[in-house]
Amino acid sequence: MIRKVYVEVTAKFDTERNITPLAVAWEDGTVYEIDRIVDKRRAASLRTRTNSLK
């Protein structure tokens, strides 16, 4: 069974409004560091009808 789980994300915000994720904390407390970002693009949000980074 699939269920949605919200996780904690540690991110860096810079002065040029860029957001870079650094780590993800799983619900059991395990922390995974993000060592590389494979893709970064602007995409439309179907809920709010705005453009944001996905």
PDB file of N, CA and C in Angstrom:
ATOM      1  N   MET A   1       0.839  -1.179   0.000  1.00  0.00           N
ATOM      2  CA  MET A   1       0.000   0.000   0.000  1.00  0.00           C
ATOM      3  C   MET A   1       0.886   1.245   0.000  1.00  0.00           C
ATOM      4  N   ILE A   2       0.555   2.194  -0.817  1.00  0.00           N
ATOM      5  CA  ILE A   2       1.316   3.437  -0.910  1.00  0.00           C
ATOM      6  C   ILE A   2       0.664   4.493  -0.026  1.00  0.00           C
ATOM      7  N   ARG A   3       1.497   5.203   0.747  1.00  0.00           N
ATOM      8  CA  ARG A   3       0.972   6.300   1.561  1.00  0.00           C
ATOM      9  C   ARG A   3       1.908   7.488   1.451  1.00  0.00           C
ATOM     10  N   LYS A   4       1.345   8.684   1.523  1.00  0.00           N
ATOM     11  CA  LYS A   4       2.141   9.900   1.442  1.00  0.00           C
ATOM     12  C   LYS A   4       2.783  10.159   2.793  1.00  0.00           C
ATOM     13  N   VAL A   5       4.078  10.430   2.778  1.00  0.00           N
ATOM     14  CA  VAL A   5       4.822  10.721   3.995  1.00  0.00           C
ATOM     15  C   VAL A   5       5.553  12.037   3.788  1.00  0.00           C
ATOM     16  N   TYR A   6       5.385  12.963   4.716  1.00  0.00           N
ATOM     17  CA  TYR A   6       6.111  14.222   4.666  1.00  0.00           C
ATOM     18  C   TYR A   6       7.421  14.044   5.404  1.00  0.00           C
ATOM     19  N   VAL A   7       8.508  14.511   4.810  1.00  0.00           N
ATOM     20  CA  VAL A   7       9.829  14.371   5.405  1.00  0.00           C
ATOM     21  C   VAL A   7      10.447  15.751   5.589  1.00  0.00           C
ATOM     22  N   GLU A   8      11.408  15.830   6.491  1.00  0.00           N
ATOM     23  CA  GLU A   8      12.117  17.079   6.739  1.00  0.00           C
ATOM     24  C   GLU A   8      13.247  17.223   5.717  1.00  0.00           C
ATOM     25  N   VAL A   9      13.358  18.421   5.127  1.00  0.00           N
ATOM     26  CA  VAL A   9      14.407  18.698   4.153  1.00  0.00           C
ATOM     27  C   VAL A   9      15.246  19.859   4.655  1.00  0.00           C
ATOM     28  N   THR A  10      16.560  19.685   4.687  1.00  0.00           N
ATOM     29  CA  THR A  10      17.476  20.768   5.016  1.00  0.00           C
ATOM     30  C   THR A  10      17.920  21.374   3.696  1.00  0.00           C
ATOM     31  N   ALA A  11      17.757  22.711   3.574  1.00  0.00           N
ATOM     32  CA  ALA A  11      18.062  23.370   2.307  1.00  0.00           C
ATOM     33  C   ALA A  11      18.815  24.670   2.545  1.00  0.00           C
ATOM     34  N   LYS A  12      19.555  25.084   1.527  1.00  0.00           N
ATOM     35  CA  LYS A  12      20.286  26.349   1.562  1.00  0.00           C
ATOM     36  C   LYS A  12      19.573  27.335   0.650  1.00  0.00           C
ATOM     37  N   PHE A  13      19.279  28.525   1.145  1.00  0.00           N
ATOM     38  CA  PHE A  13      18.662  29.586   0.365  1.00  0.00           C
ATOM     39  C   PHE A  13      19.704  30.681   0.171  1.00  0.00           C
ATOM     40  N   ASP A  14      19.955  31.079  -1.086  1.00  0.00           N
ATOM     41  CA  ASP A  14      20.949  32.128  -1.304  1.00  0.00           C
ATOM     42  C   ASP A  14      20.279  33.453  -1.659  1.00  0.00           C
ATOM     43  N   THR A  15      21.093  34.482  -1.847  1.00  0.00           N
ATOM     44  CA  THR A  15      20.568  35.829  -2.091  1.00  0.00           C
ATOM     45  C   THR A  15      19.948  35.993  -3.470  1.00  0.00           C
ATOM     46  N   GLU A  16      20.189  35.039  -4.372  1.00  0.00           N
ATOM     47  CA  GLU A  16      19.603  35.096  -5.712  1.00  0.00           C
ATOM     48  C   GLU A  16      18.335  34.256  -5.815  1.00  0.00           C
ATOM     49  N   ARG A  17      17.747  33.914  -4.658  1.00  0.00           N
ATOM     50  CA  ARG A  17      16.491  33.183  -4.549  1.00  0.00           C
ATOM     51  C   ARG A  17      16.604  31.741  -5.036  1.00  0.00           C
ATOM     52  N   ASN A  18      17.794  31.170  -5.003  1.00  0.00           N
ATOM     53  CA  ASN A  18      17.985  29.761  -5.343  1.00  0.00           C
ATOM     54  C   ASN A  18      17.848  28.913  -4.090  1.00  0.00           C
ATOM     55  N   ILE A  19      17.225  27.757  -4.238  1.00  0.00           N
ATOM     56  CA  ILE A  19      17.069  26.811  -3.136  1.00  0.00           C
ATOM     57  C   ILE A  19      17.841  25.552  -3.513  1.00  0.00           C
ATOM     58  N   THR A  20      18.759  25.136  -2.639  1.00  0.00           N
ATOM     59  CA  THR A  20      19.549  23.938  -2.867  1.00  0.00           C
ATOM     60  C   THR A  20      19.306  22.964  -1.722  1.00  0.00           C
ATOM     61  N   PRO A  21      18.684  21.819  -1.985  1.00  0.00           N
ATOM     62  CA  PRO A  21      18.475  20.835  -0.913  1.00  0.00           C
ATOM     63  C   PRO A  21      19.809  20.219  -0.496  1.00  0.00           C
ATOM     64  N   LEU A  22      20.014  20.060   0.811  1.00  0.00           N
ATOM     65  CA  LEU A  22      21.263  19.510   1.332  1.00  0.00           C
ATOM     66  C   LEU A  22      21.089  18.116   1.920  1.00  0.00           C
ATOM     67  N   ALA A  23      19.928  17.852   2.561  1.00  0.00           N
ATOM     68  CA  ALA A  23      19.690  16.556   3.194  1.00  0.00           C
ATOM     69  C   ALA A  23      18.199  16.317   3.357  1.00  0.00           C
ATOM     70  N   VAL A  24      17.848  15.035   3.474  1.00  0.00           N
ATOM     71  CA  VAL A  24      16.466  14.622   3.718  1.00  0.00           C
ATOM     72  C   VAL A  24      16.468  13.751   4.964  1.00  0.00           C
ATOM     73  N   ALA A  25      15.573  14.048   5.919  1.00  0.00           N
ATOM     74  CA  ALA A  25      15.449  13.251   7.145  1.00  0.00           C
ATOM     75  C   ALA A  25      14.198  12.388   7.030  1.00  0.00           C
ATOM     76  N   TRP A  26      14.386  11.071   7.025  1.00  0.00           N
ATOM     77  CA  TRP A  26      13.286  10.119   6.915  1.00  0.00           C
ATOM     78  C   TRP A  26      12.484  10.104   8.209  1.00  0.00           C
ATOM     79  N   GLU A  27      11.300   9.534   8.211  1.00  0.00           N
ATOM     80  CA  GLU A  27      10.445   9.542   9.396  1.00  0.00           C
ATOM     81  C   GLU A  27      11.008   8.715  10.550  1.00  0.00           C
ATOM     82  N   ASP A  28      11.930   7.780  10.268  1.00  0.00           N
ATOM     83  CA  ASP A  28      12.552   7.007  11.342  1.00  0.00           C
ATOM     84  C   ASP A  28      13.796   7.699  11.913  1.00  0.00           C
ATOM     85  N   GLY A  29      14.107   8.896  11.411  1.00  0.00           N
ATOM     86  CA  GLY A  29      15.249   9.664  11.905  1.00  0.00           C
ATOM     87  C   GLY A  29      16.507   9.529  11.082  1.00  0.00           C
ATOM     88  N   THR A  30      16.520   8.638  10.106  1.00  0.00           N
ATOM     89  CA  THR A  30      17.680   8.476   9.245  1.00  0.00           C
ATOM     90  C   THR A  30      17.832   9.700   8.349  1.00  0.00           C
ATOM     91  N   VAL A  31      19.049  10.256   8.277  1.00  0.00           N
ATOM     92  CA  VAL A  31      19.311  11.442   7.461  1.00  0.00           C
ATOM     93  C   VAL A  31      20.155  11.031   6.260  1.00  0.00           C
ATOM     94  N   TYR A  32      19.691  11.415   5.086  1.00  0.00           N
ATOM     95  CA  TYR A  32      20.410  11.155   3.848  1.00  0.00           C
ATOM     96  C   TYR A  32      20.896  12.476   3.284  1.00  0.00           C
ATOM     97  N   GLU A  33      22.213  12.616   3.111  1.00  0.00           N
ATOM     98  CA  GLU A  33      22.761  13.818   2.500  1.00  0.00           C
ATOM     99  C   GLU A  33      22.594  13.735   0.985  1.00  0.00           C
ATOM    100  N   ILE A  34      22.311  14.861   0.371  1.00  0.00           N
ATOM    101  CA  ILE A  34      22.169  14.928  -1.078  1.00  0.00           C
ATOM    102  C   ILE A  34      23.532  15.312  -1.643  1.00  0.00           C
ATOM    103  N   ASP A  35      24.117  14.416  -2.441  1.00  0.00           N
ATOM    104  CA  ASP A  35      25.463  14.673  -2.947  1.00  0.00           C
ATOM    105  C   ASP A  35      25.480  15.265  -4.349  1.00  0.00           C
ATOM    106  N   ARG A  36      24.355  15.136  -5.087  1.00  0.00           N
ATOM    107  CA  ARG A  36      24.283  15.770  -6.395  1.00  0.00           C
ATOM    108  C   ARG A  36      22.831  15.987  -6.787  1.00  0.00           C
ATOM    109  N   ILE A  37      22.615  16.990  -7.612  1.00  0.00           N
ATOM    110  CA  ILE A  37      21.289  17.291  -8.136  1.00  0.00           C
ATOM    111  C   ILE A  37      21.322  16.961  -9.614  1.00  0.00           C
ATOM    112  N   VAL A  38      20.447  16.070 -10.025  1.00  0.00           N
ATOM    113  CA  VAL A  38      20.456  15.572 -11.397  1.00  0.00           C
ATOM    114  C   VAL A  38      19.715  16.515 -12.331  1.00  0.00           C
ATOM    115  N   ASP A  39      18.626  17.135 -11.857  1.00  0.00           N
ATOM    116  CA  ASP A  39      17.806  17.969 -12.732  1.00  0.00           C
ATOM    117  C   ASP A  39      17.197  19.112 -11.934  1.00  0.00           C
ATOM    118  N   LYS A  40      17.130  20.284 -12.542  1.00  0.00           N
ATOM    119  CA  LYS A  40      16.512  21.452 -11.917  1.00  0.00           C
ATOM    120  C   LYS A  40      15.832  22.229 -13.030  1.00  0.00           C
ATOM    121  N   ARG A  41      14.515  22.443 -12.895  1.00  0.00           N
ATOM    122  CA  ARG A  41      13.779  23.150 -13.948  1.00  0.00           C
ATOM    123  C   ARG A  41      12.554  23.847 -13.387  1.00  0.00           C
ATOM    124  N   ARG A  42      12.061  24.814 -14.124  1.00  0.00           N
ATOM    125  CA  ARG A  42      10.825  25.479 -13.775  1.00  0.00           C
ATOM    126  C   ARG A  42       9.673  24.653 -14.326  1.00  0.00           C
ATOM    127  N   ALA A  43       8.612  24.525 -13.545  1.00  0.00           N
ATOM    128  CA  ALA A  43       7.454  23.754 -13.982  1.00  0.00           C
ATOM    129  C   ALA A  43       6.191  24.379 -13.400  1.00  0.00           C
ATOM    130  N   ALA A  44       5.102  24.255 -14.113  1.00  0.00           N
ATOM    131  CA  ALA A  44       3.839  24.818 -13.668  1.00  0.00           C
ATOM    132  C   ALA A  44       3.244  23.965 -12.552  1.00  0.00           C
ATOM    133  N   SER A  45       2.703  24.634 -11.540  1.00  0.00           N
ATOM    134  CA  SER A  45       1.992  23.944 -10.476  1.00  0.00           C
ATOM    135  C   SER A  45       0.525  23.838 -10.875  1.00  0.00           C
ATOM    136  N   LEU A  46       0.021  22.635 -10.928  1.00  0.00           N
ATOM    137  CA  LEU A  46      -1.362  22.448 -11.363  1.00  0.00           C
ATOM    138  C   LEU A  46      -2.361  22.908 -10.313  1.00  0.00           C
ATOM    139  N   ARG A  47      -1.957  22.931  -9.049  1.00  0.00           N
ATOM    140  CA  ARG A  47      -2.870  23.374  -7.989  1.00  0.00           C
ATOM    141  C   ARG A  47      -3.003  24.882  -7.940  1.00  0.00           C
ATOM    142  N   THR A  48      -1.873  25.585  -7.950  1.00  0.00           N
ATOM    143  CA  THR A  48      -1.918  27.047  -7.778  1.00  0.00           C
ATOM    144  C   THR A  48      -1.818  27.813  -9.082  1.00  0.00           C
ATOM    145  N   ARG A  49      -1.570  27.102 -10.168  1.00  0.00           N
ATOM    146  CA  ARG A  49      -1.438  27.695 -11.502  1.00  0.00           C
ATOM    147  C   ARG A  49      -0.319  28.735 -11.564  1.00  0.00           C
ATOM    148  N   THR A  50       0.799  28.444 -10.896  1.00  0.00           N
ATOM    149  CA  THR A  50       1.962  29.313 -10.939  1.00  0.00           C
ATOM    150  C   THR A  50       3.172  28.496 -11.385  1.00  0.00           C
ATOM    151  N   ASN A  51       4.252  29.187 -11.717  1.00  0.00           N
ATOM    152  CA  ASN A  51       5.497  28.506 -12.085  1.00  0.00           C
ATOM    153  C   ASN A  51       6.425  28.477 -10.891  1.00  0.00           C
ATOM    154  N   SER A  52       7.061  27.358 -10.635  1.00  0.00           N
ATOM    155  CA  SER A  52       8.026  27.238  -9.566  1.00  0.00           C
ATOM    156  C   SER A  52       9.031  26.160  -9.936  1.00  0.00           C
ATOM    157  N   LEU A  53      10.102  26.051  -9.156  1.00  0.00           N
ATOM    158  CA  LEU A  53      11.107  25.013  -9.409  1.00  0.00           C
ATOM    159  C   LEU A  53      10.604  23.670  -8.942  1.00  0.00           C
ATOM    160  N   LYS A  54      10.806  22.660  -9.712  1.00  0.00           N
ATOM    161  CA  LYS A  54      10.409  21.298  -9.365  1.00  0.00           C
ATOM    162  C   LYS A  54      11.638  20.432  -9.312  1.00  0.00           C
TER     163      LYS A  54
END
